[in-house]
Amino acid sequence: MTTPHFDIIRVFPRQTSYTPDDDMAFIGMPTLFIPEHKEVHISCTFTWDRKYCEALAYQWEGVTNKPVKLGGVAYGSDCSDFVQGMYVKSNIIFTSRGCNNNCPWCVVPKNEGRLKQLEIVPGNWIQDNNFLQCDRQHKDKVFEMLKTQRGICFKGGLEADLIDDHFCRSLESLGVSKVKELWLACDTDARLPEFNKACDKLKKIGFNRNKIHCYVLSYGKDRNKDEMRARAVYEAGAMPFVQLYRDFSDTKTEYSADWNKWARMWQRPACIKAHMEKGTDYKDFGI
């Protein structure tokens, strides 16, 4: 992938797998030497990082006479002028922003509005919030671009009931070997029937649990119910990934050590396999 050139310093509270790795991307406080720049942007994704990011803005204001701007998802920043590669690695692309659903646990419709299709740029990691809501012509153009890529991931969470024959044919046109991961979502028990149908379609064209993954939302309240949904996802032919719900307050939602250990078990494929096939419990993994 080519690294885009920016004359804006982007500052992030911590390093993640999404963080850009070009010379104008910084983690945390300013360093002794900083490159020439026009602006400094403090990028804040999670609401519980806002206090720290405000401190970062104050510190960066002390080392530059250029504008220092604070924004990001945590501040509800407008994404209408979104620039690919600026706040995430250049191979991680959005071909659309927003979503036409209105799920009560999701902040996307509030922050980004209804689905808007974007200009397509090269990249192998599709991070759209709801790629399958795009029109067919747009999806065809994305798949045409993906024919030049390898290690392809659909990480944003594919809506199971929108996985249709057209999408499956498009995946087949790429070749199963070029697709690394397909991520679906199963946030409630009511989603299971459509999720099962989607997995059946994907298995018919050659995908298996090594490539089909699924976000499984848990509110940390009913362990048995969440366990049953995670098991159902596994049995449908996908690898579940339990996510404990975090609200959008300034304080990160905390869960007991027991809940965190249980969730971590459902985030590690080797542990999940042992749990499903041998009955090994999360307390046995030392996690």
Foldseek 3Di string as FASTA:
>chain_A
DDADDALEQEEEQDDDQFAEDDLSYYHAADDPDHDHHQEYEYEDEALLCVVRSVVRQVRVVVVDPHYYYYDYNLRLDECPVPDQCPGTHNQEDEQKAADPDCDPQDCRCVSYNHIDGHDDDAHQEYQYLEVLVDDPVSVVVNLVSNLVAAQHEDPNAYELLSQDPSNLVSCVVSPPRRHQAYEHEDADPVSLVSNLVSLVSNVVSPDFQRHYEYEYEDQQDDVVRSVVVCVSNVVSGYQYQYDHRFHRHNDTDDDDPVSVLQNVLSHDRVSVCCCNPVVDHSVVPVD
